[in-house]
Amino acid sequence: MESTVSNAFLLLGIGMITVFAVLSIVVISGHVLITLVNKYAPDPVKESKLIKPLVSTKEIAVITAVVDHITKGKGKIDSIKKLK
């Protein structure tokens, strides 16, 4: 009986130490991988596409002034869409 309990605790301890060691290796290797990738990998190239605005800047200024005047400074323009 005594050897069975001691064997159980021995297996429990070995199992917990093994799980801790494996998880530590995973965390450390992940940290090293992230560090290496951030250091040596090139930054992604951002492609900027110039989009022709649907409304000219003068029209946006006029619309903004009208909304500001009508709402007495409390209005906010979320988007401007051109109707067909």
N, C-alpha and C. Protein backbone atom coordinates (compact mmCIF):
# COMPACT_ATOMS: atom_id res chain seq x y z
N MET A 1 0.83 -1.19 0.00
CA MET A 1 0.00 0.00 0.00
C MET A 1 0.87 1.25 0.00
N GLU A 2 1.89 1.22 0.83
CA GLU A 2 2.74 2.39 0.94
C GLU A 2 3.51 2.64 -0.34
N SER A 3 3.97 1.60 -1.00
CA SER A 3 4.72 1.78 -2.24
C SER A 3 3.81 2.26 -3.37
N THR A 4 2.56 1.88 -3.35
CA THR A 4 1.62 2.32 -4.38
C THR A 4 1.38 3.82 -4.29
N VAL A 5 1.21 4.33 -3.07
CA VAL A 5 0.99 5.77 -2.88
C VAL A 5 2.25 6.54 -3.24
N SER A 6 3.41 6.03 -2.83
CA SER A 6 4.65 6.73 -3.15
C SER A 6 4.91 6.70 -4.66
N ASN A 7 4.58 5.60 -5.32
CA ASN A 7 4.72 5.54 -6.78
C ASN A 7 3.77 6.54 -7.46
N ALA A 8 2.57 6.66 -6.92
CA ALA A 8 1.60 7.60 -7.49
C ALA A 8 2.11 9.03 -7.37
N PHE A 9 2.64 9.39 -6.19
CA PHE A 9 3.18 10.74 -6.01
C PHE A 9 4.42 10.97 -6.86
N LEU A 10 5.24 9.95 -7.03
CA LEU A 10 6.42 10.06 -7.88
C LEU A 10 6.01 10.31 -9.33
N LEU A 11 5.04 9.55 -9.83
CA LEU A 11 4.55 9.76 -11.19
C LEU A 11 3.88 11.13 -11.35
N LEU A 12 3.18 11.56 -10.31
CA LEU A 12 2.56 12.88 -10.34
C LEU A 12 3.61 13.96 -10.46
N GLY A 13 4.65 13.87 -9.67
CA GLY A 13 5.72 14.87 -9.69
C GLY A 13 6.46 14.88 -11.02
N ILE A 14 6.78 13.68 -11.53
CA ILE A 14 7.48 13.61 -12.81
C ILE A 14 6.60 14.17 -13.93
N GLY A 15 5.32 13.86 -13.90
CA GLY A 15 4.40 14.38 -14.92
C GLY A 15 4.28 15.88 -14.88
N MET A 16 4.17 16.45 -13.68
CA MET A 16 4.04 17.90 -13.56
C MET A 16 5.33 18.60 -14.01
N ILE A 17 6.47 18.02 -13.65
CA ILE A 17 7.75 18.61 -14.07
C ILE A 17 7.89 18.54 -15.59
N THR A 18 7.48 17.43 -16.19
CA THR A 18 7.56 17.28 -17.64
C THR A 18 6.65 18.29 -18.35
N VAL A 19 5.44 18.45 -17.88
CA VAL A 19 4.51 19.41 -18.48
C VAL A 19 5.07 20.82 -18.34
N PHE A 20 5.60 21.16 -17.19
CA PHE A 20 6.18 22.48 -16.98
C PHE A 20 7.35 22.70 -17.92
N ALA A 21 8.22 21.71 -18.09
CA ALA A 21 9.38 21.84 -18.96
C ALA A 21 8.95 22.02 -20.42
N VAL A 22 7.98 21.23 -20.87
CA VAL A 22 7.55 21.32 -22.26
C VAL A 22 6.89 22.68 -22.52
N LEU A 23 6.04 23.12 -21.63
CA LEU A 23 5.39 24.42 -21.81
C LEU A 23 6.40 25.56 -21.75
N SER A 24 7.42 25.44 -20.91
CA SER A 24 8.47 26.45 -20.86
C SER A 24 9.23 26.51 -22.18
N ILE A 25 9.52 25.35 -22.75
CA ILE A 25 10.21 25.31 -24.04
C ILE A 25 9.35 25.95 -25.13
N VAL A 26 8.06 25.70 -25.12
CA VAL A 26 7.15 26.30 -26.11
C VAL A 26 7.13 27.81 -25.97
N VAL A 27 7.03 28.31 -24.75
CA VAL A 27 6.97 29.76 -24.53
C VAL A 27 8.29 30.41 -24.92
N ILE A 28 9.41 29.84 -24.54
CA ILE A 28 10.71 30.42 -24.86
C ILE A 28 10.96 30.40 -26.36
N SER A 29 10.65 29.28 -27.03
CA SER A 29 10.86 29.22 -28.47
C SER A 29 9.94 30.19 -29.21
N GLY A 30 8.72 30.37 -28.73
CA GLY A 30 7.81 31.35 -29.33
C GLY A 30 8.34 32.76 -29.18
N HIS A 31 8.87 33.07 -28.01
CA HIS A 31 9.44 34.40 -27.78
C HIS A 31 10.65 34.64 -28.68
N VAL A 32 11.51 33.64 -28.81
CA VAL A 32 12.69 33.77 -29.68
C VAL A 32 12.26 33.93 -31.13
N LEU A 33 11.26 33.17 -31.58
CA LEU A 33 10.77 33.27 -32.94
C LEU A 33 10.21 34.66 -33.23
N ILE A 34 9.41 35.18 -32.32
CA ILE A 34 8.84 36.51 -32.50
C ILE A 34 9.93 37.56 -32.56
N THR A 35 10.93 37.45 -31.69
CA THR A 35 12.03 38.41 -31.70
C THR A 35 12.81 38.36 -33.01
N LEU A 36 13.09 37.15 -33.50
CA LEU A 36 13.84 37.03 -34.75
C LEU A 36 13.04 37.56 -35.94
N VAL A 37 11.76 37.25 -35.99
CA VAL A 37 10.94 37.73 -37.10
C VAL A 37 10.84 39.25 -37.07
N ASN A 38 10.65 39.83 -35.92
CA ASN A 38 10.56 41.29 -35.83
C ASN A 38 11.87 41.96 -36.18
N LYS A 39 12.99 41.27 -35.94
CA LYS A 39 14.29 41.87 -36.19
C LYS A 39 14.70 41.75 -37.65
N TYR A 40 14.48 40.60 -38.29
CA TYR A 40 15.02 40.33 -39.61
C TYR A 40 14.02 40.35 -40.75
N ALA A 41 12.76 40.22 -40.48
CA ALA A 41 11.76 40.20 -41.55
C ALA A 41 11.54 41.62 -42.07
N PRO A 42 11.40 41.78 -43.37
CA PRO A 42 11.16 43.13 -43.90
C PRO A 42 9.76 43.61 -43.55
N ASP A 43 9.65 44.92 -43.44
CA ASP A 43 8.34 45.49 -43.16
C ASP A 43 7.46 45.33 -44.39
N PRO A 44 6.18 45.09 -44.20
CA PRO A 44 5.29 44.95 -45.35
C PRO A 44 5.15 46.28 -46.09
N VAL A 45 5.11 46.19 -47.40
CA VAL A 45 4.99 47.39 -48.22
C VAL A 45 3.52 47.75 -48.34
N LYS A 46 3.21 48.97 -47.99
CA LYS A 46 1.84 49.43 -48.08
C LYS A 46 1.63 50.06 -49.45
N GLU A 47 0.66 49.55 -50.16
CA GLU A 47 0.35 50.10 -51.46
C GLU A 47 -0.73 51.17 -51.29
N SER A 48 -0.37 52.36 -51.68
CA SER A 48 -1.35 53.44 -51.57
C SER A 48 -1.99 53.65 -52.92
N LYS A 49 -3.27 53.60 -52.93
CA LYS A 49 -4.02 53.82 -54.15
C LYS A 49 -4.68 55.18 -54.05
N LEU A 50 -4.40 56.01 -55.02
CA LEU A 50 -5.01 57.32 -55.03
C LEU A 50 -6.42 57.20 -55.60
N ILE A 51 -7.37 57.61 -54.80
CA ILE A 51 -8.78 57.54 -55.19
C ILE A 51 -9.26 58.95 -55.49
N LYS A 52 -9.84 59.11 -56.63
CA LYS A 52 -10.38 60.41 -56.99
C LYS A 52 -11.64 60.66 -56.17
N PRO A 53 -11.64 61.77 -55.43
CA PRO A 53 -12.83 62.04 -54.61
C PRO A 53 -14.05 62.33 -55.48
N LEU A 54 -15.20 61.90 -55.00
CA LEU A 54 -16.44 62.12 -55.73
C LEU A 54 -16.90 63.57 -55.65
N VAL A 55 -16.53 64.25 -54.58
CA VAL A 55 -16.96 65.61 -54.35
C VAL A 55 -15.71 66.48 -54.23
N SER A 56 -15.70 67.64 -54.86
CA SER A 56 -14.52 68.50 -54.81
C SER A 56 -14.37 69.12 -53.43
N THR A 57 -13.18 69.64 -53.18
CA THR A 57 -12.90 70.23 -51.86
C THR A 57 -13.73 71.48 -51.63
N LYS A 58 -14.03 72.23 -52.70
CA LYS A 58 -14.86 73.42 -52.54
C LYS A 58 -16.28 73.03 -52.12
N GLU A 59 -16.79 71.96 -52.74
CA GLU A 59 -18.14 71.51 -52.38
C GLU A 59 -18.18 71.00 -50.95
N ILE A 60 -17.13 70.32 -50.51
CA ILE A 60 -17.06 69.84 -49.13
C ILE A 60 -17.04 71.02 -48.16
N ALA A 61 -16.31 72.08 -48.51
CA ALA A 61 -16.25 73.27 -47.66
C ALA A 61 -17.61 73.93 -47.55
N VAL A 62 -18.32 74.01 -48.67
CA VAL A 62 -19.65 74.63 -48.67
C VAL A 62 -20.62 73.80 -47.84
N ILE A 63 -20.61 72.47 -48.03
CA ILE A 63 -21.51 71.60 -47.28
C ILE A 63 -21.22 71.69 -45.79
N THR A 64 -19.94 71.71 -45.43
CA THR A 64 -19.56 71.82 -44.02
C THR A 64 -20.03 73.14 -43.43
N ALA A 65 -19.88 74.23 -44.17
CA ALA A 65 -20.32 75.54 -43.68
C ALA A 65 -21.83 75.58 -43.50
N VAL A 66 -22.58 75.00 -44.45
CA VAL A 66 -24.04 74.99 -44.35
C VAL A 66 -24.50 74.17 -43.14
N VAL A 67 -23.91 72.99 -42.96
CA VAL A 67 -24.28 72.15 -41.82
C VAL A 67 -23.94 72.85 -40.51
N ASP A 68 -22.79 73.50 -40.48
CA ASP A 68 -22.37 74.22 -39.26
C ASP A 68 -23.32 75.38 -38.97
N HIS A 69 -23.74 76.08 -40.00
CA HIS A 69 -24.65 77.22 -39.81
C HIS A 69 -26.04 76.77 -39.37
N ILE A 70 -26.57 75.73 -40.01
CA ILE A 70 -27.93 75.27 -39.71
C ILE A 70 -28.01 74.66 -38.31
N THR A 71 -27.00 73.86 -37.92
CA THR A 71 -27.05 73.18 -36.63
C THR A 71 -26.38 73.98 -35.52
N LYS A 72 -25.93 75.18 -35.85
CA LYS A 72 -25.27 76.07 -34.88
C LYS A 72 -24.07 75.41 -34.21
N GLY A 73 -23.26 74.71 -35.03
CA GLY A 73 -22.02 74.11 -34.55
C GLY A 73 -22.17 72.75 -33.90
N LYS A 74 -23.39 72.24 -33.82
CA LYS A 74 -23.60 70.95 -33.16
C LYS A 74 -23.67 69.78 -34.15
N GLY A 75 -23.74 70.07 -35.44
CA GLY A 75 -23.86 69.03 -36.45
C GLY A 75 -22.52 68.43 -36.81
N LYS A 76 -22.57 67.21 -37.31
CA LYS A 76 -21.36 66.51 -37.71
C LYS A 76 -21.65 65.74 -39.00
N ILE A 77 -20.75 65.86 -39.96
CA ILE A 77 -20.91 65.16 -41.23
C ILE A 77 -20.18 63.84 -41.13
N ASP A 78 -20.92 62.73 -41.31
CA ASP A 78 -20.30 61.41 -41.27
C ASP A 78 -19.81 60.98 -42.64
N SER A 79 -20.61 61.22 -43.65
CA SER A 79 -20.21 60.83 -45.00
C SER A 79 -20.96 61.70 -46.01
N ILE A 80 -20.36 61.79 -47.18
CA ILE A 80 -20.98 62.54 -48.27
C ILE A 80 -21.08 61.58 -49.45
N LYS A 81 -22.29 61.40 -49.95
CA LYS A 81 -22.52 60.50 -51.09
C LYS A 81 -23.17 61.29 -52.21
N LYS A 82 -22.68 61.06 -53.41
CA LYS A 82 -23.24 61.74 -54.57
C LYS A 82 -24.38 60.90 -55.12
N LEU A 83 -25.55 61.53 -55.31
CA LEU A 83 -26.72 60.83 -55.85
C LEU A 83 -26.71 60.91 -57.36
N LYS A 84 -27.27 59.89 -57.99
CA LYS A 84 -27.33 59.88 -59.45
C LYS A 84 -28.48 60.68 -59.97
